[in-house]
C-alpha atoms as a PDB file:
ATOM      1  CA  MET A   1       0.000   0.000   0.000  1.00  0.00           C
ATOM      2  CA  ALA A   2       1.529   3.303  -1.085  1.00  0.00           C
ATOM      3  CA  PHE A   3       2.134   5.975   1.545  1.00  0.00           C
ATOM      4  CA  SER A   4       3.895   9.338   1.544  1.00  0.00           C
ATOM      5  CA  VAL A   5       4.005  12.433   3.731  1.00  0.00           C
ATOM      6  CA  ILE A   6       3.856  15.861   2.121  1.00  0.00           C
ATOM      7  CA  TYR A   7       5.608  18.353   4.369  1.00  0.00           C
ATOM      8  CA  SER A   8       7.626  21.563   4.375  1.00  0.00           C
ATOM      9  CA  PRO A   9       9.589  23.299   7.171  1.00  0.00           C
ATOM     10  CA  VAL A  10       7.771  26.481   6.132  1.00  0.00           C
ATOM     11  CA  PHE A  11       4.756  25.174   8.078  1.00  0.00           C
ATOM     12  CA  LEU A  12       6.734  25.843  11.273  1.00  0.00           C
ATOM     13  CA  GLU A  13       6.962  29.563  10.415  1.00  0.00           C
ATOM     14  CA  HIS A  14       3.315  30.158  11.304  1.00  0.00           C
ATOM     15  CA  LYS A  15       3.973  30.711  14.991  1.00  0.00           C
ATOM     16  CA  PRO A  16       2.687  32.631  18.012  1.00  0.00           C
ATOM     17  CA  GLU A  17       4.613  35.244  19.992  1.00  0.00           C
ATOM     18  CA  ASN A  18       3.613  33.639  23.296  1.00  0.00           C
ATOM     19  CA  TYR A  19       1.991  30.339  24.263  1.00  0.00           C
ATOM     20  CA  HIS A  20      -0.826  29.209  21.993  1.00  0.00           C
ATOM     21  CA  PRO A  21      -2.164  25.645  21.655  1.00  0.00           C
ATOM     22  CA  GLU A  22      -1.816  25.837  17.859  1.00  0.00           C
ATOM     23  CA  ASN A  23       1.955  26.098  17.605  1.00  0.00           C
ATOM     24  CA  PRO A  24       4.828  24.524  15.618  1.00  0.00           C
ATOM     25  CA  GLU A  25       5.433  21.921  18.315  1.00  0.00           C
ATOM     26  CA  ARG A  26       2.274  20.120  17.180  1.00  0.00           C
ATOM     27  CA  LEU A  27       3.838  19.364  13.844  1.00  0.00           C
ATOM     28  CA  LEU A  28       7.156  18.334  15.351  1.00  0.00           C
ATOM     29  CA  ARG A  29       5.368  15.778  17.537  1.00  0.00           C
ATOM     30  CA  ALA A  30       3.601  14.385  14.476  1.00  0.00           C
ATOM     31  CA  VAL A  31       6.899  14.210  12.595  1.00  0.00           C
ATOM     32  CA  GLN A  32       8.468  12.288  15.473  1.00  0.00           C
ATOM     33  CA  ALA A  33       5.540   9.851  15.568  1.00  0.00           C
ATOM     34  CA  LEU A  34       6.005   9.150  11.861  1.00  0.00           C
ATOM     35  CA  LYS A  35       9.750   8.742  12.297  1.00  0.00           C
ATOM     36  CA  ASN A  36       9.062   6.215  15.040  1.00  0.00           C
ATOM     37  CA  LEU A  37       7.009   4.231  12.523  1.00  0.00           C
ATOM     38  CA  GLY A  38       9.816   4.375   9.973  1.00  0.00           C
ATOM     39  CA  LEU A  39       7.527   6.350   7.645  1.00  0.00           C
ATOM     40  CA  TRP A  40       9.429   9.609   7.355  1.00  0.00           C
ATOM     41  CA  ASP A  41      10.530  10.330   3.791  1.00  0.00           C
ATOM     42  CA  PRO A  42       8.683  13.578   3.052  1.00  0.00           C
ATOM     43  CA  ILE A  43       7.822  15.118  -0.294  1.00  0.00           C
ATOM     44  CA  GLU A  44       8.314  18.893  -0.450  1.00  0.00           C
ATOM     45  CA  PRO A  45       5.251  20.792  -1.744  1.00  0.00           C
ATOM     46  CA  GLN A  46       5.270  24.094  -3.605  1.00  0.00           C
ATOM     47  CA  PRO A  47       3.062  27.071  -2.704  1.00  0.00           C
ATOM     48  CA  VAL A  48       0.038  27.676  -4.912  1.00  0.00           C
ATOM     49  CA  PRO A  49      -0.517  30.988  -6.705  1.00  0.00           C
ATOM     50  CA  GLU A  50      -2.607  33.405  -4.644  1.00  0.00           C
ATOM     51  CA  GLU A  51      -5.577  33.119  -7.004  1.00  0.00           C
ATOM     52  CA  GLU A  52      -6.043  29.487  -5.978  1.00  0.00           C
ATOM     53  CA  LEU A  53      -7.224  30.736  -2.584  1.00  0.00           C
ATOM     54  CA  LEU A  54     -10.190  32.311  -4.364  1.00  0.00           C
ATOM     55  CA  ARG A  55     -11.547  28.881  -5.255  1.00  0.00           C
ATOM     56  CA  VAL A  56     -12.750  28.576  -1.673  1.00  0.00           C
ATOM     57  CA  HIS A  57     -12.444  32.056  -0.111  1.00  0.00           C
ATOM     58  CA  SER A  58     -13.656  35.546  -0.886  1.00  0.00           C
ATOM     59  CA  LYS A  59     -11.276  38.124  -2.300  1.00  0.00           C
ATOM     60  CA  GLU A  60     -11.922  40.399   0.691  1.00  0.00           C
ATOM     61  CA  TYR A  61     -10.956  37.713   3.197  1.00  0.00           C
ATOM     62  CA  VAL A  62      -7.806  36.755   1.284  1.00  0.00           C
ATOM     63  CA  GLU A  63      -6.760  40.414   1.124  1.00  0.00           C
ATOM     64  CA  LEU A  64      -7.428  40.807   4.851  1.00  0.00           C
ATOM     65  CA  VAL A  65      -5.140  37.907   5.732  1.00  0.00           C
ATOM     66  CA  ARG A  66      -2.417  39.018   3.337  1.00  0.00           C
ATOM     67  CA  GLY A  67      -2.583  42.605   4.547  1.00  0.00           C
ATOM     68  CA  ARG A  68      -2.491  41.740   8.242  1.00  0.00           C
ATOM     69  CA  GLY A  69       0.192  39.052   7.955  1.00  0.00           C
ATOM     70  CA  GLY A  70       3.205  41.329   7.651  1.00  0.00           C
ATOM     71  CA  ALA A  71       3.403  41.643  11.421  1.00  0.00           C
ATOM     72  CA  PHE A  72       2.132  39.524  14.280  1.00  0.00           C
ATOM     73  CA  SER A  73      -1.550  40.172  14.964  1.00  0.00           C
ATOM     74  CA  TYR A  74      -4.773  38.457  15.939  1.00  0.00           C
ATOM     75  CA  LEU A  75      -7.636  37.972  13.490  1.00  0.00           C
ATOM     76  CA  ASP A  76      -9.846  37.184  16.480  1.00  0.00           C
ATOM     77  CA  PRO A  77      -9.316  36.118  20.127  1.00  0.00           C
ATOM     78  CA  ASP A  78      -8.421  32.555  19.028  1.00  0.00           C
ATOM     79  CA  THR A  79      -6.592  32.989  15.763  1.00  0.00           C
ATOM     80  CA  TYR A  80      -3.265  34.679  15.108  1.00  0.00           C
ATOM     81  CA  LEU A  81      -1.274  35.762  12.064  1.00  0.00           C
ATOM     82  CA  SER A  82       2.514  35.928  11.993  1.00  0.00           C
ATOM     83  CA  PRO A  83       5.036  37.029   9.330  1.00  0.00           C
ATOM     84  CA  GLY A  84       5.383  33.378   8.270  1.00  0.00           C
ATOM     85  CA  THR A  85       1.652  32.660   7.993  1.00  0.00           C
ATOM     86  CA  TRP A  86       1.081  33.703   4.384  1.00  0.00           C
ATOM     87  CA  GLU A  87       3.782  31.504   2.873  1.00  0.00           C
ATOM     88  CA  ALA A  88       2.831  28.604   5.159  1.00  0.00           C
ATOM     89  CA  ALA A  89      -0.819  28.881   4.123  1.00  0.00           C
ATOM     90  CA  LEU A  90      -0.042  28.987   0.386  1.00  0.00           C
ATOM     91  CA  THR A  91       2.254  25.987   0.808  1.00  0.00           C
ATOM     92  CA  ALA A  92      -0.427  24.136   2.796  1.00  0.00           C
ATOM     93  CA  PHE A  93      -2.738  24.553  -0.187  1.00  0.00           C
ATOM     94  CA  GLY A  94       0.061  23.264  -2.401  1.00  0.00           C
ATOM     95  CA  ALA A  95       0.447  20.212  -0.168  1.00  0.00           C
ATOM     96  CA  SER A  96      -3.305  19.594  -0.217  1.00  0.00           C
ATOM     97  CA  ARG A  97      -3.404  19.766  -4.022  1.00  0.00           C
ATOM     98  CA  LEU A  98      -0.408  17.443  -4.318  1.00  0.00           C
ATOM     99  CA  ALA A  99      -2.018  14.944  -1.933  1.00  0.00           C
ATOM    100  CA  VAL A 100      -5.073  14.741  -4.199  1.00  0.00           C
ATOM    101  CA  GLU A 101      -2.998  14.459  -7.379  1.00  0.00           C
ATOM    102  CA  LEU A 102      -0.803  11.685  -5.972  1.00  0.00           C
ATOM    103  CA  THR A 103      -3.808   9.854  -4.547  1.00  0.00           C
ATOM    104  CA  LEU A 104      -5.455   9.680  -7.958  1.00  0.00           C
ATOM    105  CA  GLU A 105      -2.212   8.861  -9.765  1.00  0.00           C
ATOM    106  CA  ARG A 106      -0.719   6.256  -7.443  1.00  0.00           C
ATOM    107  CA  LYS A 107      -3.522   5.187  -5.052  1.00  0.00           C
ATOM    108  CA  GLY A 108      -2.698   4.673  -1.361  1.00  0.00           C
ATOM    109  CA  LEU A 109      -2.584   7.271   1.420  1.00  0.00           C
ATOM    110  CA  TYR A 110      -0.955  10.691   1.041  1.00  0.00           C
ATOM    111  CA  LEU A 111      -0.746  12.763   4.202  1.00  0.00           C
ATOM    112  CA  ALA A 112      -0.555  16.548   3.860  1.00  0.00           C
ATOM    113  CA  LEU A 113       1.043  17.346   7.216  1.00  0.00           C
ATOM    114  CA  VAL A 114       0.214  21.036   7.156  1.00  0.00           C
ATOM    115  CA  ARG A 115      -0.199  24.140   9.255  1.00  0.00           C
ATOM    116  CA  PRO A 116      -2.070  26.402   9.733  1.00  0.00           C
ATOM    117  CA  PRO A 117      -5.141  24.169  10.026  1.00  0.00           C
ATOM    118  CA  GLY A 118      -8.232  25.008   8.039  1.00  0.00           C
ATOM    119  CA  HIS A 119     -11.561  23.272   8.594  1.00  0.00           C
ATOM    120  CA  HIS A 120     -13.161  26.122  10.598  1.00  0.00           C
ATOM    121  CA  ALA A 121     -12.338  28.726   7.912  1.00  0.00           C
ATOM    122  CA  GLY A 122     -15.337  29.606   5.748  1.00  0.00           C
ATOM    123  CA  LYS A 123     -15.632  31.611   2.550  1.00  0.00           C
ATOM    124  CA  SER A 124     -15.210  34.956   4.270  1.00  0.00           C
ATOM    125  CA  GLY A 125     -13.666  33.841   7.547  1.00  0.00           C
ATOM    126  CA  ARG A 126     -15.988  32.754  10.334  1.00  0.00           C
ATOM    127  CA  ALA A 127     -18.624  30.254   9.203  1.00  0.00           C
ATOM    128  CA  PHE A 128     -22.131  29.350  10.424  1.00  0.00           C
ATOM    129  CA  ASN A 129     -22.153  32.002  13.138  1.00  0.00           C
ATOM    130  CA  ALA A 130     -19.027  30.594  14.821  1.00  0.00           C
ATOM    131  CA  PRO A 131     -17.566  33.073  17.305  1.00  0.00           C
ATOM    132  CA  THR A 132     -14.029  32.773  15.895  1.00  0.00           C
ATOM    133  CA  LEU A 133     -11.941  31.055  13.227  1.00  0.00           C
ATOM    134  CA  GLY A 134     -10.788  28.454  15.752  1.00  0.00           C
ATOM    135  CA  PHE A 135      -7.049  28.687  14.932  1.00  0.00           C
ATOM    136  CA  CYS A 136      -7.736  28.264  11.157  1.00  0.00           C
ATOM    137  CA  ILE A 137      -6.695  30.568   8.291  1.00  0.00           C
ATOM    138  CA  PHE A 138      -7.532  29.031   4.885  1.00  0.00           C
ATOM    139  CA  ASN A 139      -9.501  25.822   4.336  1.00  0.00           C
ATOM    140  CA  ASN A 140      -7.076  23.161   3.105  1.00  0.00           C
ATOM    141  CA  ALA A 141      -9.636  20.327   3.049  1.00  0.00           C
ATOM    142  CA  ALA A 142     -12.236  22.312   1.109  1.00  0.00           C
ATOM    143  CA  TYR A 143      -9.559  23.230  -1.428  1.00  0.00           C
ATOM    144  CA  ALA A 144      -8.540  19.552  -1.679  1.00  0.00           C
ATOM    145  CA  ALA A 145     -12.213  18.727  -2.307  1.00  0.00           C
ATOM    146  CA  LYS A 146     -12.422  21.261  -5.146  1.00  0.00           C
ATOM    147  CA  VAL A 147      -9.237  19.872  -6.715  1.00  0.00           C
ATOM    148  CA  ALA A 148     -10.618  16.338  -6.372  1.00  0.00           C
ATOM    149  CA  GLU A 149     -13.846  17.381  -8.105  1.00  0.00           C
ATOM    150  CA  GLU A 150     -11.852  18.985 -10.901  1.00  0.00           C
ATOM    151  CA  LEU A 151      -9.841  15.799 -11.459  1.00  0.00           C
ATOM    152  CA  ALA A 152     -12.313  13.045 -10.520  1.00  0.00           C
ATOM    153  CA  GLY A 153     -15.780  14.591 -10.932  1.00  0.00           C
ATOM    154  CA  LYS A 154     -16.951  14.053  -7.359  1.00  0.00           C
ATOM    155  CA  VAL A 155     -15.541  13.618  -3.873  1.00  0.00           C
ATOM    156  CA  VAL A 156     -16.287  12.520  -0.323  1.00  0.00           C
ATOM    157  CA  VAL A 157     -14.806  14.502   2.557  1.00  0.00           C
ATOM    158  CA  ILE A 158     -14.748  12.768   5.943  1.00  0.00           C
ATOM    159  CA  ASP A 159     -13.949  14.939   8.965  1.00  0.00           C
ATOM    160  CA  PHE A 160     -13.398  13.112  12.263  1.00  0.00           C
ATOM    161  CA  ASP A 161     -11.801  15.991  14.140  1.00  0.00           C
ATOM    162  CA  ALA A 162     -13.531  16.365  17.521  1.00  0.00           C
ATOM    163  CA  HIS A 163     -14.902  19.754  16.394  1.00  0.00           C
ATOM    164  CA  HIS A 164     -17.328  20.283  13.536  1.00  0.00           C
ATOM    165  CA  GLY A 165     -15.736  21.382  10.257  1.00  0.00           C
ATOM    166  CA  ASN A 166     -18.084  24.323   9.883  1.00  0.00           C
ATOM    167  CA  GLY A 167     -15.917  26.126   7.338  1.00  0.00           C
ATOM    168  CA  THR A 168     -15.724  23.073   5.074  1.00  0.00           C
ATOM    169  CA  GLN A 169     -19.475  22.594   5.345  1.00  0.00           C
ATOM    170  CA  GLU A 170     -20.148  26.227   4.447  1.00  0.00           C
ATOM    171  CA  ILE A 171     -17.833  26.223   1.416  1.00  0.00           C
ATOM    172  CA  LEU A 172     -19.311  22.956   0.083  1.00  0.00           C
ATOM    173  CA  TRP A 173     -22.897  23.697   1.203  1.00  0.00           C
ATOM    174  CA  ASP A 174     -24.399  24.153  -2.277  1.00  0.00           C
ATOM    175  CA  ASP A 175     -22.155  21.638  -4.025  1.00  0.00           C
ATOM    176  CA  PRO A 176     -23.975  18.397  -4.936  1.00  0.00           C
ATOM    177  CA  LYS A 177     -20.745  16.731  -6.122  1.00  0.00           C
ATOM    178  CA  ALA A 178     -19.122  16.984  -2.692  1.00  0.00           C
ATOM    179  CA  VAL A 179     -20.397  14.728   0.082  1.00  0.00           C
ATOM    180  CA  HIS A 180     -19.204  16.008   3.458  1.00  0.00           C
ATOM    181  CA  ILE A 181     -19.517  13.587   6.390  1.00  0.00           C
ATOM    182  CA  ASP A 182     -18.627  15.131   9.738  1.00  0.00           C
ATOM    183  CA  LEU A 183     -18.294  13.061  12.909  1.00  0.00           C
ATOM    184  CA  HIS A 184     -17.778  15.298  15.961  1.00  0.00           C
ATOM    185  CA  GLU A 185     -18.786  16.028  19.549  1.00  0.00           C
ATOM    186  CA  HIS A 186     -22.103  17.868  19.785  1.00  0.00           C
ATOM    187  CA  ASP A 187     -22.684  21.194  21.540  1.00  0.00           C
ATOM    188  CA  ILE A 188     -19.075  22.306  21.664  1.00  0.00           C
ATOM    189  CA  TYR A 189     -17.155  24.828  19.554  1.00  0.00           C
ATOM    190  CA  PRO A 190     -18.156  25.901  16.892  1.00  0.00           C
ATOM    191  CA  TRP A 191     -21.738  25.033  17.906  1.00  0.00           C
ATOM    192  CA  SER A 192     -22.843  23.768  14.518  1.00  0.00           C
ATOM    193  CA  GLY A 193     -23.022  20.437  12.732  1.00  0.00           C
ATOM    194  CA  TYR A 194     -26.457  19.202  13.761  1.00  0.00           C
ATOM    195  CA  GLU A 195     -28.370  16.426  12.036  1.00  0.00           C
ATOM    196  CA  HIS A 196     -30.713  18.782  10.188  1.00  0.00           C
ATOM    197  CA  GLU A 197     -27.831  20.576   8.396  1.00  0.00           C
ATOM    198  CA  VAL A 198     -28.046  18.642   5.121  1.00  0.00           C
ATOM    199  CA  GLY A 199     -26.882  21.050   2.397  1.00  0.00           C
ATOM    200  CA  GLY A 200     -28.260  23.872   0.264  1.00  0.00           C
ATOM    201  CA  LYS A 201     -30.851  23.790  -2.492  1.00  0.00           C
ATOM    202  CA  GLY A 202     -29.894  21.207  -5.068  1.00  0.00           C
ATOM    203  CA  ALA A 203     -27.333  19.656  -2.719  1.00  0.00           C
ATOM    204  CA  GLU A 204     -29.664  18.336  -0.016  1.00  0.00           C
ATOM    205  CA  GLY A 205     -28.416  15.152   1.599  1.00  0.00           C
ATOM    206  CA  THR A 206     -24.784  15.690   0.639  1.00  0.00           C
ATOM    207  CA  LYS A 207     -23.896  17.225   4.005  1.00  0.00           C
ATOM    208  CA  ILE A 208     -24.093  14.568   6.710  1.00  0.00           C
ATOM    209  CA  ASN A 209     -23.518  15.473  10.342  1.00  0.00           C
ATOM    210  CA  ILE A 210     -23.105  12.969  13.145  1.00  0.00           C
ATOM    211  CA  PRO A 211     -23.003  15.000  16.396  1.00  0.00           C
ATOM    212  CA  MET A 212     -21.859  12.480  19.002  1.00  0.00           C
ATOM    213  CA  PRO A 213     -22.780  12.706  22.690  1.00  0.00           C
ATOM    214  CA  HIS A 214     -20.352  13.966  25.309  1.00  0.00           C
ATOM    215  CA  TYR A 215     -18.046  11.255  26.674  1.00  0.00           C
ATOM    216  CA  SER A 216     -18.413   9.088  23.563  1.00  0.00           C
ATOM    217  CA  GLY A 217     -15.765   6.430  23.201  1.00  0.00           C
ATOM    218  CA  ASP A 218     -14.546   3.886  20.672  1.00  0.00           C
ATOM    219  CA  ASP A 219     -17.702   1.746  20.712  1.00  0.00           C
ATOM    220  CA  ASP A 220     -19.883   4.776  19.987  1.00  0.00           C
ATOM    221  CA  PHE A 221     -17.744   6.088  17.137  1.00  0.00           C
ATOM    222  CA  ILE A 222     -17.242   2.668  15.533  1.00  0.00           C
ATOM    223  CA  TYR A 223     -21.000   2.107  15.661  1.00  0.00           C
ATOM    224  CA  ALA A 224     -21.674   5.471  13.951  1.00  0.00           C
ATOM    225  CA  TRP A 225     -18.924   4.735  11.425  1.00  0.00           C
ATOM    226  CA  ASN A 226     -20.454   1.382  10.520  1.00  0.00           C
ATOM    227  CA  GLU A 227     -24.038   2.624  10.387  1.00  0.00           C
ATOM    228  CA  VAL A 228     -23.539   5.883   8.486  1.00  0.00           C
ATOM    229  CA  VAL A 229     -20.057   6.510   7.087  1.00  0.00           C
ATOM    230  CA  LEU A 230     -19.346   3.179   5.424  1.00  0.00           C
ATOM    231  CA  PRO A 231     -22.799   2.761   3.811  1.00  0.00           C
ATOM    232  CA  VAL A 232     -22.627   6.264   2.297  1.00  0.00           C
ATOM    233  CA  LEU A 233     -19.158   5.566   0.912  1.00  0.00           C
ATOM    234  CA  ALA A 234     -20.296   2.252  -0.552  1.00  0.00           C
ATOM    235  CA  GLU A 235     -23.278   3.888  -2.250  1.00  0.00           C
ATOM    236  CA  PHE A 236     -21.458   6.986  -3.549  1.00  0.00           C
ATOM    237  CA  LYS A 237     -18.399   5.076  -4.814  1.00  0.00           C
ATOM    238  CA  PRO A 238     -15.836   7.920  -4.842  1.00  0.00           C
ATOM    239  CA  ARG A 239     -12.550   7.559  -6.716  1.00  0.00           C
ATOM    240  CA  LEU A 240     -10.832   9.046  -3.669  1.00  0.00           C
ATOM    241  CA  VAL A 241     -11.683  10.275  -0.182  1.00  0.00           C
ATOM    242  CA  VAL A 242     -10.396  13.490   1.374  1.00  0.00           C
ATOM    243  CA  VAL A 243      -9.966  13.072   5.128  1.00  0.00           C
ATOM    244  CA  SER A 244      -9.972  16.082   7.437  1.00  0.00           C
ATOM    245  CA  ALA A 245      -7.863  14.337  10.050  1.00  0.00           C
ATOM    246  CA  GLY A 246      -7.966  15.674  13.579  1.00  0.00           C
ATOM    247  CA  PHE A 247      -7.048  13.426  16.491  1.00  0.00           C
ATOM    248  CA  ASP A 248      -8.143  15.760  19.303  1.00  0.00           C
ATOM    249  CA  GLY A 249     -10.909  13.365  20.365  1.00  0.00           C
ATOM    250  CA  PHE A 250      -8.219  11.063  21.769  1.00  0.00           C
ATOM    251  CA  LEU A 251      -8.547  10.465  25.514  1.00  0.00           C
ATOM    252  CA  GLY A 252      -6.132  12.827  27.237  1.00  0.00           C
ATOM    253  CA  GLU A 253      -6.278  15.640  24.663  1.00  0.00           C
ATOM    254  CA  ASN A 254      -8.461  17.573  27.155  1.00  0.00           C
ATOM    255  CA  LEU A 255     -10.091  19.971  24.671  1.00  0.00           C
ATOM    256  CA  THR A 256     -13.240  17.832  24.520  1.00  0.00           C
ATOM    257  CA  THR A 257     -14.890  15.091  26.580  1.00  0.00           C
ATOM    258  CA  LEU A 258     -14.386  12.397  23.934  1.00  0.00           C
ATOM    259  CA  ARG A 259     -12.627   9.221  25.005  1.00  0.00           C
ATOM    260  CA  LEU A 260     -11.250   7.727  21.817  1.00  0.00           C
ATOM    261  CA  SER A 261      -8.231   5.433  21.668  1.00  0.00           C
ATOM    262  CA  GLU A 262      -6.075   3.749  19.054  1.00  0.00           C
ATOM    263  CA  LEU A 263      -8.932   1.275  18.488  1.00  0.00           C
ATOM    264  CA  PHE A 264     -11.230   3.717  16.707  1.00  0.00           C
ATOM    265  CA  PHE A 265      -8.526   5.368  14.629  1.00  0.00           C
ATOM    266  CA  ALA A 266      -7.027   2.033  13.573  1.00  0.00           C
ATOM    267  CA  TYR A 267     -10.487   0.745  12.677  1.00  0.00           C
ATOM    268  CA  ALA A 268     -11.302   3.886  10.693  1.00  0.00           C
ATOM    269  CA  GLY A 269      -8.028   3.586   8.814  1.00  0.00           C
ATOM    270  CA  SER A 270      -8.488  -0.101   8.041  1.00  0.00           C
ATOM    271  CA  THR A 271     -12.038   0.333   6.733  1.00  0.00           C
ATOM    272  CA  LEU A 272     -10.883   3.153   4.448  1.00  0.00           C
ATOM    273  CA  SER A 273      -8.098   0.995   3.006  1.00  0.00           C
ATOM    274  CA  ARG A 274     -10.293   0.125   0.007  1.00  0.00           C
ATOM    275  CA  TYR A 275     -10.222   3.825  -1.023  1.00  0.00           C
ATOM    276  CA  PRO A 276      -7.335   6.101  -2.052  1.00  0.00           C
ATOM    277  CA  LEU A 277      -6.986   8.780   0.652  1.00  0.00           C
ATOM    278  CA  ALA A 278      -5.813  12.389   0.581  1.00  0.00           C
ATOM    279  CA  VAL A 279      -5.420  13.097   4.302  1.00  0.00           C
ATOM    280  CA  ILE A 280      -5.311  16.723   5.401  1.00  0.00           C
ATOM    281  CA  PHE A 281      -4.026  17.368   8.918  1.00  0.00           C
ATOM    282  CA  GLU A 282      -6.355  19.383  11.176  1.00  0.00           C
ATOM    283  CA  GLY A 283      -6.489  19.641  14.977  1.00  0.00           C
ATOM    284  CA  ASP A 284      -4.508  17.725  17.555  1.00  0.00           C
ATOM    285  CA  TYR A 285      -2.290  18.914  20.335  1.00  0.00           C
ATOM    286  CA  SER A 286      -0.711  16.129  22.409  1.00  0.00           C
ATOM    287  CA  VAL A 287      -1.335  12.417  22.916  1.00  0.00           C
ATOM    288  CA  GLY A 288      -3.513  12.093  19.816  1.00  0.00           C
ATOM    289  CA  LEU A 289      -0.502  12.999  17.690  1.00  0.00           C
ATOM    290  CA  GLU A 290       1.604  10.319  19.303  1.00  0.00           C
ATOM    291  CA  LYS A 291      -1.016   7.543  19.307  1.00  0.00           C
ATOM    292  CA  GLY A 292      -4.040   8.417  17.165  1.00  0.00           C
ATOM    293  CA  LEU A 293      -2.223   9.466  13.990  1.00  0.00           C
ATOM    294  CA  PRO A 294       0.051   6.384  13.903  1.00  0.00           C
ATOM    295  CA  ALA A 295      -2.901   4.092  14.638  1.00  0.00           C
ATOM    296  CA  PHE A 296      -4.876   5.501  11.710  1.00  0.00           C
ATOM    297  CA  ILE A 297      -1.968   5.128   9.300  1.00  0.00           C
ATOM    298  CA  LYS A 298      -1.088   1.630  10.484  1.00  0.00           C
ATOM    299  CA  GLY A 299      -4.737   0.603  10.208  1.00  0.00           C
ATOM    300  CA  TYR A 300      -4.880   1.826   6.615  1.00  0.00           C
ATOM    301  CA  LEU A 301      -1.581   0.259   5.582  1.00  0.00           C
ATOM    302  CA  SER A 302      -2.517  -3.091   7.139  1.00  0.00           C
ATOM    303  CA  GLY A 303      -5.553  -3.359   4.882  1.00  0.00           C
ATOM    304  CA  GLU A 304      -7.032  -5.777   7.413  1.00  0.00           C
ATOM    305  CA  ILE A 305     -10.690  -5.000   7.992  1.00  0.00           C
ATOM    306  CA  ARG A 306     -11.700  -6.914  11.095  1.00  0.00           C
ATOM    307  CA  GLU A 307     -15.113  -6.896  12.687  1.00  0.00           C
ATOM    308  CA  VAL A 308     -15.006  -5.130  16.046  1.00  0.00           C
ATOM    309  CA  PRO A 309     -17.848  -6.014  18.442  1.00  0.00           C
ATOM    310  CA  VAL A 310     -19.213  -2.857  20.034  1.00  0.00           C
ATOM    311  CA  SER A 311     -21.671  -1.847  22.748  1.00  0.00           C
ATOM    312  CA  PRO A 312     -22.690   1.733  21.948  1.00  0.00           C
ATOM    313  CA  SER A 313     -24.224   3.948  24.586  1.00  0.00           C
ATOM    314  CA  TYR A 314     -27.904   4.844  24.635  1.00  0.00           C
ATOM    315  CA  GLY A 315     -26.975   8.357  23.547  1.00  0.00           C
ATOM    316  CA  ALA A 316     -24.982   7.136  20.550  1.00  0.00           C
ATOM    317  CA  LEU A 317     -27.803   4.834  19.497  1.00  0.00           C
ATOM    318  CA  GLY A 318     -30.192   7.789  19.577  1.00  0.00           C
ATOM    319  CA  THR A 319     -27.850  10.036  17.620  1.00  0.00           C
ATOM    320  CA  VAL A 320     -27.314   7.495  14.868  1.00  0.00           C
ATOM    321  CA  ALA A 321     -31.039   6.782  14.660  1.00  0.00           C
ATOM    322  CA  ARG A 322     -31.747  10.486  14.151  1.00  0.00           C
ATOM    323  CA  VAL A 323     -29.037  10.802  11.514  1.00  0.00           C
ATOM    324  CA  ARG A 324     -30.383   7.820   9.601  1.00  0.00           C
ATOM    325  CA  GLU A 325     -33.910   9.186   9.772  1.00  0.00           C
ATOM    326  CA  VAL A 326     -32.811  12.583   8.435  1.00  0.00           C
ATOM    327  CA  ILE A 327     -30.595  11.402   5.568  1.00  0.00           C
ATOM    328  CA  GLY A 328     -32.599   8.284   4.763  1.00  0.00           C
ATOM    329  CA  GLN A 329     -34.600  10.199   2.162  1.00  0.00           C
ATOM    330  CA  TRP A 330     -31.423  10.571   0.088  1.00  0.00           C
ATOM    331  CA  TRP A 331     -29.387   7.504   1.004  1.00  0.00           C
ATOM    332  CA  ASP A 332     -30.123   3.795   1.239  1.00  0.00           C
ATOM    333  CA  ILE A 333     -29.209   3.647   4.896  1.00  0.00           C
END
């Protein structure tokens, strides 16, 4: 099974002046985890031209980021810009494009190990009434989805970051060729991603949200994965899948109440092994980098899809039942 990491040291140049949870150390921990697996032989991406940003963002927002990025500043209370942000963001788009191109050309898994992250960034910045951009600048996964559509005609985006990918959903909202499946903890930042959010006119049913209960663990997520994610993939039959990969639901990450372990991420990876994957790095800050990311990659590369007996909670059963009821008018689920 083919695997490569797409990475540039320029991603480390997006950096805070003082402590901030979204900092270069995140990427260095991920790099070390991949080195520990013996999977560190990175491909260097090139930055995209500025006009590529306009495929997913408004001109006004792009100009705002470029204009403010010459010196350190805050776009909002959560999200900073530094002198290295602009080049890092353009290169992150380049890495995301390359991941899609290589996925279609060679099959396998291609990991765009990028910063700054992107899935909360909407067309003009904040999306779906979110209070902030949530550490994100430009939406790498949404751009990867647009490139995938251009090259393959249609795409599935799966986002299993603990937080809803509100920016990705907003950008793809009216796009019937992009199925966006988002598995996240409900009623936390950015306070969107509910079952009834199904897409705009002409694209109804292509936006699928699975808002999991607080304290959900492996059994709950594997159950939702089996009941919703895998059937949609099987019916839609994409040539590739873009994964918005955040591992901040791992037990010990402490930004959410989720209690995921290597079991879920390895299972998710193994069940996706039948599809070529362009994996775009999102949120993750500590133990998830060291355990969740390697588990997902190892699961995919193993190609061994094993049945995992689960006992989902009452809350997870209810959530999945509601999701199936909502999207059942568009999917055979």
